[in-house]
Amino acid sequence: MANDGKIIISVHCDVIWNAAHVKFVRKRRRRYYEGNLDNVVCVGAVLRSVMPRVRDRRVKFYFTNAEETNMLGAKKVMRREGRALYIPIDVTQASRNSDVNVEWMQHLNKKVLKKVLGRIPKLKVGFKTGHPDETRIYGTKYPTFSLTLPLKGRMHGKSRVSFWKVKRFGLSIVEILRRIRMNYDKICEFKERS
């Protein structure tokens, strides 16, 4: 069956800075998250908006550790799952006006991916590369790219993002996964074994 490959969603949970705190602020009819948001807001978005809506049994979710140090979590996931499309979910400072940013594309047909994501109505997708993440590990063998949430402020310090932007990010990931599933074989470029 075409387009039936695995998709692995990887969200890192580790934070190593002393300033590791997040607060929800309501001020003058605005709601936003503030603090060291890497990667707390993405964990929340995946748990709240993505996992309950994804019905595809070939999509697996992993919450990993050691992204901020030695990437041990990503290495374990890759050994366990093998051949798949890997999509880390993280935050970024790149492409701040976008709803979603795509970073670190490897072993993919980039033109097809951009075309597929460009056809999602009312979704502003950026394609700027920011801080490296688990794609360094996954990209050694398998197709990978990051879906990142653009933040204001310092990524590894005090940052800020609107409540609605986080919610839209989570819902956008659901639609992106649906579109990727429909075009899986056109997007992924697996290396042949020697």
Protein backbone atom coordinates (compact mmCIF):
# COMPACT_ATOMS: atom_id res chain seq x y z
CA MET A 1 0.00 0.00 0.00
CA ALA A 2 1.36 3.44 -0.92
CA ASN A 3 1.97 6.09 1.72
CA ASP A 4 1.92 3.55 4.57
CA GLY A 5 5.28 4.31 6.22
CA LYS A 6 5.72 5.24 9.86
CA ILE A 7 5.77 8.82 11.06
CA ILE A 8 7.53 9.42 14.37
CA ILE A 9 6.73 12.60 16.28
CA SER A 10 9.47 13.43 18.77
CA VAL A 11 9.03 16.10 21.46
CA HIS A 12 11.84 16.73 23.93
CA CYS A 13 10.92 17.31 27.57
CA ASP A 14 14.25 18.30 29.10
CA VAL A 15 15.13 21.81 30.22
CA ILE A 16 18.53 22.44 31.79
CA TRP A 17 18.52 26.14 32.72
CA ASN A 18 18.01 27.47 36.21
CA ALA A 19 15.33 29.77 34.81
CA ALA A 20 13.11 26.80 33.91
CA HIS A 21 9.71 28.23 34.67
CA VAL A 22 6.57 29.00 32.72
CA LYS A 23 3.67 31.18 33.67
CA PHE A 24 0.35 31.86 32.03
CA VAL A 25 -0.43 35.58 31.92
CA ARG A 26 -3.77 37.32 31.39
CA LYS A 27 -3.44 41.01 30.77
CA ARG A 28 -5.86 43.40 29.05
CA ARG A 29 -7.87 40.69 27.29
CA ARG A 30 -4.68 38.97 26.10
CA ARG A 31 -3.42 35.57 27.13
CA TYR A 32 0.12 34.36 26.69
CA TYR A 33 2.83 32.08 28.05
CA GLU A 34 6.01 33.61 29.40
CA GLY A 35 9.27 32.14 30.70
CA ASN A 36 11.69 29.47 29.52
CA LEU A 37 9.32 27.88 27.03
CA ASP A 38 11.76 25.41 25.42
CA ASN A 39 10.08 22.93 25.14
CA VAL A 40 7.21 23.11 27.61
CA VAL A 41 4.73 24.79 25.25
CA CYS A 42 5.28 22.17 22.54
CA VAL A 43 4.77 19.28 24.98
CA GLY A 44 1.50 20.93 26.01
CA ALA A 45 0.40 21.57 22.42
CA VAL A 46 1.06 17.96 21.39
CA LEU A 47 -0.72 16.52 24.44
CA ARG A 48 -3.70 18.86 24.23
CA SER A 49 -4.24 19.49 20.51
CA VAL A 50 -2.40 16.86 18.45
CA MET A 51 -2.62 13.45 20.14
CA PRO A 52 -6.41 13.53 20.70
CA ARG A 53 -7.02 14.34 17.01
CA VAL A 54 -4.58 12.03 15.20
CA ARG A 55 -6.27 8.74 14.31
CA ASP A 56 -3.49 7.35 12.09
CA ARG A 57 -2.05 4.23 13.76
CA ARG A 58 1.20 4.63 11.83
CA VAL A 59 1.93 7.88 13.66
CA LYS A 60 3.78 7.35 16.95
CA PHE A 61 4.56 9.93 19.62
CA TYR A 62 7.71 9.97 21.76
CA PHE A 63 8.56 12.41 24.54
CA THR A 64 12.35 12.30 24.72
CA ASN A 65 15.10 13.47 27.04
CA ALA A 66 18.65 14.80 26.58
CA GLU A 67 17.92 17.04 23.58
CA GLU A 68 19.77 19.82 25.38
CA THR A 69 22.85 17.63 25.98
CA ASN A 70 23.74 14.38 24.17
CA MET A 71 20.54 13.53 22.22
CA LEU A 72 20.27 10.19 24.01
CA GLY A 73 16.47 10.16 23.75
CA ALA A 74 16.53 10.64 19.98
CA LYS A 75 19.15 7.91 19.59
CA LYS A 76 16.98 5.45 21.54
CA VAL A 77 13.87 6.31 19.51
CA MET A 78 15.75 5.84 16.23
CA ARG A 79 17.15 2.46 17.32
CA ARG A 80 13.68 1.31 18.40
CA GLU A 81 11.71 2.51 15.36
CA GLY A 82 14.17 2.24 12.46
CA ARG A 83 12.91 3.21 9.03
CA ALA A 84 10.43 6.09 9.35
CA LEU A 85 9.89 9.78 8.77
CA TYR A 86 11.00 11.61 11.93
CA ILE A 87 9.47 14.95 12.88
CA PRO A 88 10.78 16.67 16.01
CA ILE A 89 8.48 19.34 17.47
CA ASP A 90 10.32 22.25 19.10
CA VAL A 91 10.45 26.03 19.48
CA THR A 92 12.47 28.47 17.39
CA GLN A 93 13.42 32.11 17.05
CA ALA A 94 13.47 31.86 13.24
CA SER A 95 10.58 33.02 11.05
CA ARG A 96 8.73 34.68 13.95
CA ASN A 97 5.77 35.89 11.89
CA SER A 98 4.89 32.35 10.79
CA ASP A 99 2.36 30.03 12.43
CA VAL A 100 4.70 27.07 11.95
CA ASN A 101 8.33 26.93 10.89
CA VAL A 102 9.95 24.02 9.02
CA GLU A 103 13.65 23.49 9.79
CA TRP A 104 16.50 21.08 9.07
CA MET A 105 14.99 19.18 6.13
CA GLN A 106 17.09 16.09 5.32
CA HIS A 107 16.54 13.12 2.97
CA LEU A 108 13.33 14.70 1.67
CA ASN A 109 12.03 16.01 -1.60
CA LYS A 110 12.02 19.62 -0.38
CA LYS A 111 10.07 20.95 -3.36
CA VAL A 112 7.21 18.51 -2.77
CA LEU A 113 7.17 19.21 0.97
CA LYS A 114 7.02 22.97 0.41
CA LYS A 115 4.28 22.53 -2.18
CA VAL A 116 2.21 20.26 0.11
CA LEU A 117 2.52 22.62 3.10
CA GLY A 118 1.93 25.69 0.93
CA ARG A 119 -1.52 24.40 -0.02
CA ILE A 120 -2.90 24.48 3.54
CA PRO A 121 -5.37 27.38 3.64
CA LYS A 122 -4.72 30.23 6.09
CA LEU A 123 -1.51 28.68 7.41
CA LYS A 124 1.66 30.74 7.25
CA VAL A 125 4.62 28.35 7.02
CA GLY A 126 8.20 29.59 7.35
CA PHE A 127 11.24 27.76 6.01
CA LYS A 128 14.13 29.35 7.92
CA THR A 129 16.57 27.25 9.90
CA GLY A 130 17.27 28.09 13.53
CA HIS A 131 18.71 26.24 16.51
CA PRO A 132 19.74 22.58 15.78
CA ASP A 133 17.69 19.78 17.34
CA GLU A 134 17.10 16.00 17.09
CA THR A 135 17.21 16.15 13.31
CA ARG A 136 21.01 15.92 13.70
CA ILE A 137 20.51 12.33 14.87
CA TYR A 138 17.52 11.26 12.75
CA GLY A 139 18.98 12.80 9.59
CA THR A 140 22.03 10.54 9.65
CA LYS A 141 19.89 7.74 8.17
CA TYR A 142 16.28 8.73 7.69
CA PRO A 143 14.04 11.50 6.31
CA THR A 144 13.49 14.22 8.88
CA PHE A 145 12.47 17.82 9.40
CA SER A 146 11.44 19.87 12.43
CA LEU A 147 8.11 21.59 12.95
CA THR A 148 8.80 24.52 15.23
CA LEU A 149 6.77 27.15 17.07
CA PRO A 150 8.22 30.67 16.60
CA LEU A 151 8.75 32.55 19.89
CA LYS A 152 9.54 36.14 20.84
CA GLY A 153 12.47 36.69 23.16
CA ARG A 154 15.38 34.39 23.94
CA MET A 155 14.74 30.73 23.20
CA HIS A 156 16.87 29.55 26.13
CA GLY A 157 15.74 32.19 28.57
CA LYS A 158 12.83 34.56 28.91
CA SER A 159 10.51 34.15 25.95
CA ARG A 160 6.85 34.78 25.20
CA VAL A 161 4.16 33.41 22.93
CA SER A 162 0.43 33.98 22.64
CA PHE A 163 -1.98 31.31 23.91
CA TRP A 164 -3.76 31.38 20.54
CA LYS A 165 -0.54 30.92 18.59
CA VAL A 166 0.24 27.77 20.60
CA LYS A 167 -3.27 26.45 20.02
CA ARG A 168 -3.08 27.20 16.29
CA PHE A 169 0.34 25.52 16.16
CA GLY A 170 -1.07 22.29 17.63
CA LEU A 171 -4.05 22.25 15.28
CA SER A 172 -1.75 23.02 12.33
CA ILE A 173 0.41 19.99 13.15
CA VAL A 174 -2.69 17.77 12.84
CA GLU A 175 -3.41 19.09 9.34
CA ILE A 176 0.27 18.92 8.36
CA LEU A 177 0.40 15.24 9.40
CA ARG A 178 -2.71 14.50 7.33
CA ARG A 179 -1.16 16.14 4.25
CA ILE A 180 2.16 14.37 4.79
CA ARG A 181 0.40 11.01 5.03
CA MET A 182 -1.29 11.61 1.66
CA ASN A 183 2.09 12.46 0.07
CA TYR A 184 4.43 10.27 2.15
CA ASP A 185 6.07 8.41 -0.77
CA LYS A 186 6.65 11.63 -2.71
CA ILE A 187 8.19 13.45 0.27
CA CYS A 188 10.44 10.78 1.82
CA GLU A 189 13.72 9.75 0.23
CA PHE A 190 15.02 6.66 2.03
CA LYS A 191 18.62 5.63 1.53
CA GLU A 192 19.00 2.16 0.09
CA ARG A 193 20.90 -0.29 2.27
CA SER A 194 24.40 -1.17 1.05
